[in-house]
Amino acid sequence: MKRFCMHSLRHTYATCAVESGMPPKVLQKLLGHASIKTTMGRYVHVTDDSMADAVRQFELSRTKSP
């Protein structure tokens, strides 16, 4: 790692929490944010894995439709 900041762990935690199914409002409370916009807009990031999972889920839903 070139550069590491302890604050980055909050972003990692927030992203992993949402990816694992934690409700965003619960995460907001845990992080101490007054606004859900701060939690979801600044702390939760879209990962390559979550993008791939979303595309797979969409494709599966399309093949199950009549």
PDB file of N, CA and C in Angstrom:
ATOM      1  N   MET A   1       0.830  -1.183   0.000  1.00  0.00           N
ATOM      2  CA  MET A   1       0.000   0.000   0.000  1.00  0.00           C
ATOM      3  C   MET A   1       0.873   1.244   0.000  1.00  0.00           C
ATOM      4  N   LYS A   2       0.542   2.133  -0.878  1.00  0.00           N
ATOM      5  CA  LYS A   2       1.286   3.385  -0.938  1.00  0.00           C
ATOM      6  C   LYS A   2       0.873   4.326   0.190  1.00  0.00           C
ATOM      7  N   ARG A   3      -0.444   4.477   0.352  1.00  0.00           N
ATOM      8  CA  ARG A   3      -0.939   5.440   1.325  1.00  0.00           C
ATOM      9  C   ARG A   3      -2.131   4.825   2.050  1.00  0.00           C
ATOM     10  N   PHE A   4      -2.158   4.958   3.345  1.00  0.00           N
ATOM     11  CA  PHE A   4      -3.250   4.388   4.123  1.00  0.00           C
ATOM     12  C   PHE A   4      -3.713   5.390   5.162  1.00  0.00           C
ATOM     13  N   CYS A   5      -5.002   5.506   5.289  1.00  0.00           N
ATOM     14  CA  CYS A   5      -5.595   6.418   6.259  1.00  0.00           C
ATOM     15  C   CYS A   5      -6.648   5.631   7.045  1.00  0.00           C
ATOM     16  N   MET A   6      -6.622   5.745   8.345  1.00  0.00           N
ATOM     17  CA  MET A   6      -7.599   5.017   9.168  1.00  0.00           C
ATOM     18  C   MET A   6      -9.030   5.378   8.785  1.00  0.00           C
ATOM     19  N   HIS A   7      -9.240   6.597   8.341  1.00  0.00           N
ATOM     20  CA  HIS A   7     -10.587   7.018   7.946  1.00  0.00           C
ATOM     21  C   HIS A   7     -11.101   6.183   6.767  1.00  0.00           C
ATOM     22  N   SER A   8     -10.195   5.691   5.949  1.00  0.00           N
ATOM     23  CA  SER A   8     -10.585   4.847   4.816  1.00  0.00           C
ATOM     24  C   SER A   8     -11.304   3.584   5.271  1.00  0.00           C
ATOM     25  N   LEU A   9     -11.011   3.139   6.484  1.00  0.00           N
ATOM     26  CA  LEU A   9     -11.685   1.947   7.009  1.00  0.00           C
ATOM     27  C   LEU A   9     -13.187   2.179   7.170  1.00  0.00           C
ATOM     28  N   ARG A  10     -13.579   3.407   7.458  1.00  0.00           N
ATOM     29  CA  ARG A  10     -15.019   3.713   7.557  1.00  0.00           C
ATOM     30  C   ARG A  10     -15.697   3.515   6.209  1.00  0.00           C
ATOM     31  N   HIS A  11     -15.029   3.914   5.147  1.00  0.00           N
ATOM     32  CA  HIS A  11     -15.576   3.736   3.810  1.00  0.00           C
ATOM     33  C   HIS A  11     -15.663   2.248   3.467  1.00  0.00           C
ATOM     34  N   THR A  12     -14.607   1.514   3.781  1.00  0.00           N
ATOM     35  CA  THR A  12     -14.588   0.074   3.522  1.00  0.00           C
ATOM     36  C   THR A  12     -15.683  -0.617   4.319  1.00  0.00           C
ATOM     37  N   TYR A  13     -15.802  -0.270   5.592  1.00  0.00           N
ATOM     38  CA  TYR A  13     -16.845  -0.847   6.441  1.00  0.00           C
ATOM     39  C   TYR A  13     -18.232  -0.554   5.870  1.00  0.00           C
ATOM     40  N   ALA A  14     -18.471   0.689   5.496  1.00  0.00           N
ATOM     41  CA  ALA A  14     -19.780   1.078   4.978  1.00  0.00           C
ATOM     42  C   ALA A  14     -20.117   0.308   3.699  1.00  0.00           C
ATOM     43  N   THR A  15     -19.166   0.202   2.806  1.00  0.00           N
ATOM     44  CA  THR A  15     -19.385  -0.508   1.552  1.00  0.00           C
ATOM     45  C   THR A  15     -19.663  -1.990   1.808  1.00  0.00           C
ATOM     46  N   CYS A  16     -18.853  -2.617   2.635  1.00  0.00           N
ATOM     47  CA  CYS A  16     -19.041  -4.044   2.942  1.00  0.00           C
ATOM     48  C   CYS A  16     -20.360  -4.286   3.675  1.00  0.00           C
ATOM     49  N   ALA A  17     -20.726  -3.378   4.559  1.00  0.00           N
ATOM     50  CA  ALA A  17     -21.976  -3.528   5.311  1.00  0.00           C
ATOM     51  C   ALA A  17     -23.182  -3.528   4.370  1.00  0.00           C
ATOM     52  N   VAL A  18     -23.218  -2.586   3.447  1.00  0.00           N
ATOM     53  CA  VAL A  18     -24.333  -2.517   2.495  1.00  0.00           C
ATOM     54  C   VAL A  18     -24.324  -3.732   1.576  1.00  0.00           C
ATOM     55  N   GLU A  19     -23.145  -4.135   1.110  1.00  0.00           N
ATOM     56  CA  GLU A  19     -23.055  -5.309   0.234  1.00  0.00           C
ATOM     57  C   GLU A  19     -23.507  -6.577   0.947  1.00  0.00           C
ATOM     58  N   SER A  20     -23.359  -6.626   2.260  1.00  0.00           N
ATOM     59  CA  SER A  20     -23.777  -7.814   3.008  1.00  0.00           C
ATOM     60  C   SER A  20     -25.246  -7.768   3.402  1.00  0.00           C
ATOM     61  N   GLY A  21     -25.924  -6.663   3.079  1.00  0.00           N
ATOM     62  CA  GLY A  21     -27.365  -6.582   3.322  1.00  0.00           C
ATOM     63  C   GLY A  21     -27.798  -5.705   4.479  1.00  0.00           C
ATOM     64  N   MET A  22     -26.876  -4.980   5.102  1.00  0.00           N
ATOM     65  CA  MET A  22     -27.264  -4.106   6.202  1.00  0.00           C
ATOM     66  C   MET A  22     -28.165  -2.987   5.674  1.00  0.00           C
ATOM     67  N   PRO A  23     -29.281  -2.733   6.334  1.00  0.00           N
ATOM     68  CA  PRO A  23     -30.139  -1.623   5.905  1.00  0.00           C
ATOM     69  C   PRO A  23     -29.384  -0.292   6.001  1.00  0.00           C
ATOM     70  N   PRO A  24     -29.490   0.526   4.973  1.00  0.00           N
ATOM     71  CA  PRO A  24     -28.770   1.802   4.973  1.00  0.00           C
ATOM     72  C   PRO A  24     -29.058   2.691   6.183  1.00  0.00           C
ATOM     73  N   LYS A  25     -30.291   2.706   6.673  1.00  0.00           N
ATOM     74  CA  LYS A  25     -30.608   3.540   7.836  1.00  0.00           C
ATOM     75  C   LYS A  25     -29.896   3.044   9.089  1.00  0.00           C
ATOM     76  N   VAL A  26     -29.710   1.743   9.218  1.00  0.00           N
ATOM     77  CA  VAL A  26     -28.961   1.195  10.347  1.00  0.00           C
ATOM     78  C   VAL A  26     -27.503   1.630  10.241  1.00  0.00           C
ATOM     79  N   LEU A  27     -26.948   1.511   9.048  1.00  0.00           N
ATOM     80  CA  LEU A  27     -25.569   1.940   8.825  1.00  0.00           C
ATOM     81  C   LEU A  27     -25.409   3.426   9.131  1.00  0.00           C
ATOM     82  N   GLN A  28     -26.357   4.226   8.722  1.00  0.00           N
ATOM     83  CA  GLN A  28     -26.325   5.664   9.004  1.00  0.00           C
ATOM     84  C   GLN A  28     -26.198   5.905  10.507  1.00  0.00           C
ATOM     85  N   LYS A  29     -26.998   5.205  11.284  1.00  0.00           N
ATOM     86  CA  LYS A  29     -26.950   5.358  12.743  1.00  0.00           C
ATOM     87  C   LYS A  29     -25.602   4.906  13.302  1.00  0.00           C
ATOM     88  N   LEU A  30     -25.112   3.765  12.812  1.00  0.00           N
ATOM     89  CA  LEU A  30     -23.831   3.243  13.302  1.00  0.00           C
ATOM     90  C   LEU A  30     -22.676   4.195  13.023  1.00  0.00           C
ATOM     91  N   LEU A  31     -22.713   4.840  11.864  1.00  0.00           N
ATOM     92  CA  LEU A  31     -21.640   5.771  11.507  1.00  0.00           C
ATOM     93  C   LEU A  31     -21.833   7.154  12.122  1.00  0.00           C
ATOM     94  N   GLY A  32     -23.033   7.404  12.659  1.00  0.00           N
ATOM     95  CA  GLY A  32     -23.286   8.681  13.320  1.00  0.00           C
ATOM     96  C   GLY A  32     -23.586   9.830  12.381  1.00  0.00           C
ATOM     97  N   HIS A  33     -24.096   9.513  11.200  1.00  0.00           N
ATOM     98  CA  HIS A  33     -24.412  10.558  10.229  1.00  0.00           C
ATOM     99  C   HIS A  33     -25.825  11.097  10.447  1.00  0.00           C
ATOM    100  N   ALA A  34     -25.987  12.395  10.311  1.00  0.00           N
ATOM    101  CA  ALA A  34     -27.305  13.011  10.428  1.00  0.00           C
ATOM    102  C   ALA A  34     -28.141  12.768   9.171  1.00  0.00           C
ATOM    103  N   SER A  35     -27.467  12.580   8.048  1.00  0.00           N
ATOM    104  CA  SER A  35     -28.158  12.444   6.769  1.00  0.00           C
ATOM    105  C   SER A  35     -27.794  11.134   6.077  1.00  0.00           C
ATOM    106  N   ILE A  36     -28.786  10.465   5.526  1.00  0.00           N
ATOM    107  CA  ILE A  36     -28.550   9.242   4.751  1.00  0.00           C
ATOM    108  C   ILE A  36     -27.755   9.576   3.486  1.00  0.00           C
ATOM    109  N   LYS A  37     -27.869  10.813   3.026  1.00  0.00           N
ATOM    110  CA  LYS A  37     -27.107  11.236   1.846  1.00  0.00           C
ATOM    111  C   LYS A  37     -25.601  11.161   2.103  1.00  0.00           C
ATOM    112  N   THR A  38     -25.190  11.499   3.303  1.00  0.00           N
ATOM    113  CA  THR A  38     -23.770  11.402   3.645  1.00  0.00           C
ATOM    114  C   THR A  38     -23.331   9.949   3.627  1.00  0.00           C
ATOM    115  N   THR A  39     -24.114   9.094   4.252  1.00  0.00           N
ATOM    116  CA  THR A  39     -23.772   7.673   4.333  1.00  0.00           C
ATOM    117  C   THR A  39     -23.679   7.049   2.952  1.00  0.00           C
ATOM    118  N   MET A  40     -24.725   7.210   2.172  1.00  0.00           N
ATOM    119  CA  MET A  40     -24.790   6.525   0.877  1.00  0.00           C
ATOM    120  C   MET A  40     -24.004   7.250  -0.209  1.00  0.00           C
ATOM    121  N   GLY A  41     -23.935   8.560  -0.139  1.00  0.00           N
ATOM    122  CA  GLY A  41     -23.260   9.323  -1.178  1.00  0.00           C
ATOM    123  C   GLY A  41     -21.755   9.441  -1.016  1.00  0.00           C
ATOM    124  N   ARG A  42     -21.297   9.458   0.218  1.00  0.00           N
ATOM    125  CA  ARG A  42     -19.866   9.654   0.461  1.00  0.00           C
ATOM    126  C   ARG A  42     -19.145   8.417   0.979  1.00  0.00           C
ATOM    127  N   TYR A  43     -19.852   7.556   1.688  1.00  0.00           N
ATOM    128  CA  TYR A  43     -19.173   6.442   2.348  1.00  0.00           C
ATOM    129  C   TYR A  43     -19.349   5.101   1.657  1.00  0.00           C
ATOM    130  N   VAL A  44     -20.479   4.886   1.005  1.00  0.00           N
ATOM    131  CA  VAL A  44     -20.719   3.609   0.335  1.00  0.00           C
ATOM    132  C   VAL A  44     -20.297   3.746  -1.122  1.00  0.00           C
ATOM    133  N   HIS A  45     -19.458   2.817  -1.567  1.00  0.00           N
ATOM    134  CA  HIS A  45     -18.931   2.850  -2.921  1.00  0.00           C
ATOM    135  C   HIS A  45     -19.376   1.621  -3.697  1.00  0.00           C
ATOM    136  N   VAL A  46     -19.506   1.752  -4.996  1.00  0.00           N
ATOM    137  CA  VAL A  46     -19.853   0.630  -5.857  1.00  0.00           C
ATOM    138  C   VAL A  46     -18.559  -0.099  -6.215  1.00  0.00           C
ATOM    139  N   THR A  47     -18.528  -1.384  -5.911  1.00  0.00           N
ATOM    140  CA  THR A  47     -17.337  -2.180  -6.215  1.00  0.00           C
ATOM    141  C   THR A  47     -17.543  -2.936  -7.525  1.00  0.00           C
ATOM    142  N   ASP A  48     -16.464  -3.406  -8.094  1.00  0.00           N
ATOM    143  CA  ASP A  48     -16.554  -4.218  -9.313  1.00  0.00           C
ATOM    144  C   ASP A  48     -17.390  -5.469  -9.057  1.00  0.00           C
ATOM    145  N   ASP A  49     -17.204  -6.079  -7.890  1.00  0.00           N
ATOM    146  CA  ASP A  49     -17.974  -7.282  -7.551  1.00  0.00           C
ATOM    147  C   ASP A  49     -19.463  -6.995  -7.447  1.00  0.00           C
ATOM    148  N   SER A  50     -19.825  -5.872  -6.829  1.00  0.00           N
ATOM    149  CA  SER A  50     -21.245  -5.552  -6.695  1.00  0.00           C
ATOM    150  C   SER A  50     -21.862  -5.234  -8.054  1.00  0.00           C
ATOM    151  N   MET A  51     -21.101  -4.617  -8.941  1.00  0.00           N
ATOM    152  CA  MET A  51     -21.593  -4.367 -10.303  1.00  0.00           C
ATOM    153  C   MET A  51     -21.826  -5.689 -11.039  1.00  0.00           C
ATOM    154  N   ALA A  52     -20.862  -6.598 -10.959  1.00  0.00           N
ATOM    155  CA  ALA A  52     -20.990  -7.892 -11.624  1.00  0.00           C
ATOM    156  C   ALA A  52     -22.167  -8.674 -11.057  1.00  0.00           C
ATOM    157  N   ASP A  53     -22.341  -8.649  -9.739  1.00  0.00           N
ATOM    158  CA  ASP A  53     -23.475  -9.346  -9.114  1.00  0.00           C
ATOM    159  C   ASP A  53     -24.808  -8.762  -9.573  1.00  0.00           C
ATOM    160  N   ALA A  54     -24.884  -7.456  -9.679  1.00  0.00           N
ATOM    161  CA  ALA A  54     -26.121  -6.812 -10.116  1.00  0.00           C
ATOM    162  C   ALA A  54     -26.454  -7.179 -11.553  1.00  0.00           C
ATOM    163  N   VAL A  55     -25.451  -7.226 -12.416  1.00  0.00           N
ATOM    164  CA  VAL A  55     -25.678  -7.606 -13.819  1.00  0.00           C
ATOM    165  C   VAL A  55     -26.136  -9.053 -13.891  1.00  0.00           C
ATOM    166  N   ARG A  56     -25.480  -9.939 -13.131  1.00  0.00           N
ATOM    167  CA  ARG A  56     -25.891 -11.356 -13.110  1.00  0.00           C
ATOM    168  C   ARG A  56     -27.316 -11.509 -12.616  1.00  0.00           C
ATOM    169  N   GLN A  57     -27.655 -10.793 -11.558  1.00  0.00           N
ATOM    170  CA  GLN A  57     -29.009 -10.862 -11.000  1.00  0.00           C
ATOM    171  C   GLN A  57     -30.032 -10.385 -12.030  1.00  0.00           C
ATOM    172  N   PHE A  58     -29.722  -9.326 -12.731  1.00  0.00           N
ATOM    173  CA  PHE A  58     -30.618  -8.820 -13.771  1.00  0.00           C
ATOM    174  C   PHE A  58     -30.786  -9.846 -14.888  1.00  0.00           C
ATOM    175  N   GLU A  59     -29.668 -10.431 -15.321  1.00  0.00           N
ATOM    176  CA  GLU A  59     -29.734 -11.420 -16.395  1.00  0.00           C
ATOM    177  C   GLU A  59     -30.565 -12.627 -15.976  1.00  0.00           C
ATOM    178  N   LEU A  60     -30.396 -13.071 -14.737  1.00  0.00           N
ATOM    179  CA  LEU A  60     -31.184 -14.204 -14.246  1.00  0.00           C
ATOM    180  C   LEU A  60     -32.663 -13.875 -14.204  1.00  0.00           C
ATOM    181  N   SER A  61     -33.000 -12.669 -13.796  1.00  0.00           N
ATOM    182  CA  SER A  61     -34.405 -12.281 -13.729  1.00  0.00           C
ATOM    183  C   SER A  61     -35.027 -12.207 -15.118  1.00  0.00           C
ATOM    184  N   ARG A  62     -34.228 -11.855 -16.108  1.00  0.00           N
ATOM    185  CA  ARG A  62     -34.732 -11.764 -17.481  1.00  0.00           C
ATOM    186  C   ARG A  62     -34.967 -13.152 -18.077  1.00  0.00           C
ATOM    187  N   THR A  63     -34.161 -14.136 -17.703  1.00  0.00           N
ATOM    188  CA  THR A  63     -34.320 -15.492 -18.255  1.00  0.00           C
ATOM    189  C   THR A  63     -35.480 -16.225 -17.581  1.00  0.00           C
ATOM    190  N   LYS A  64     -35.885 -15.799 -16.396  1.00  0.00           N
ATOM    191  CA  LYS A  64     -36.998 -16.435 -15.689  1.00  0.00           C
ATOM    192  C   LYS A  64     -38.346 -15.874 -16.118  1.00  0.00           C
ATOM    193  N   SER A  65     -38.351 -14.709 -16.754  1.00  0.00           N
ATOM    194  CA  SER A  65     -39.605 -14.091 -17.191  1.00  0.00           C
ATOM    195  C   SER A  65     -40.161 -14.831 -18.400  1.00  0.00           C
ATOM    196  N   PRO A  66     -41.517 -14.955 -18.467  1.00  0.00           N
ATOM    197  CA  PRO A  66     -42.124 -15.633 -19.621  1.00  0.00           C
ATOM    198  C   PRO A  66     -41.969 -14.881 -20.917  1.00  0.00           C
TER     199      PRO A  66
END
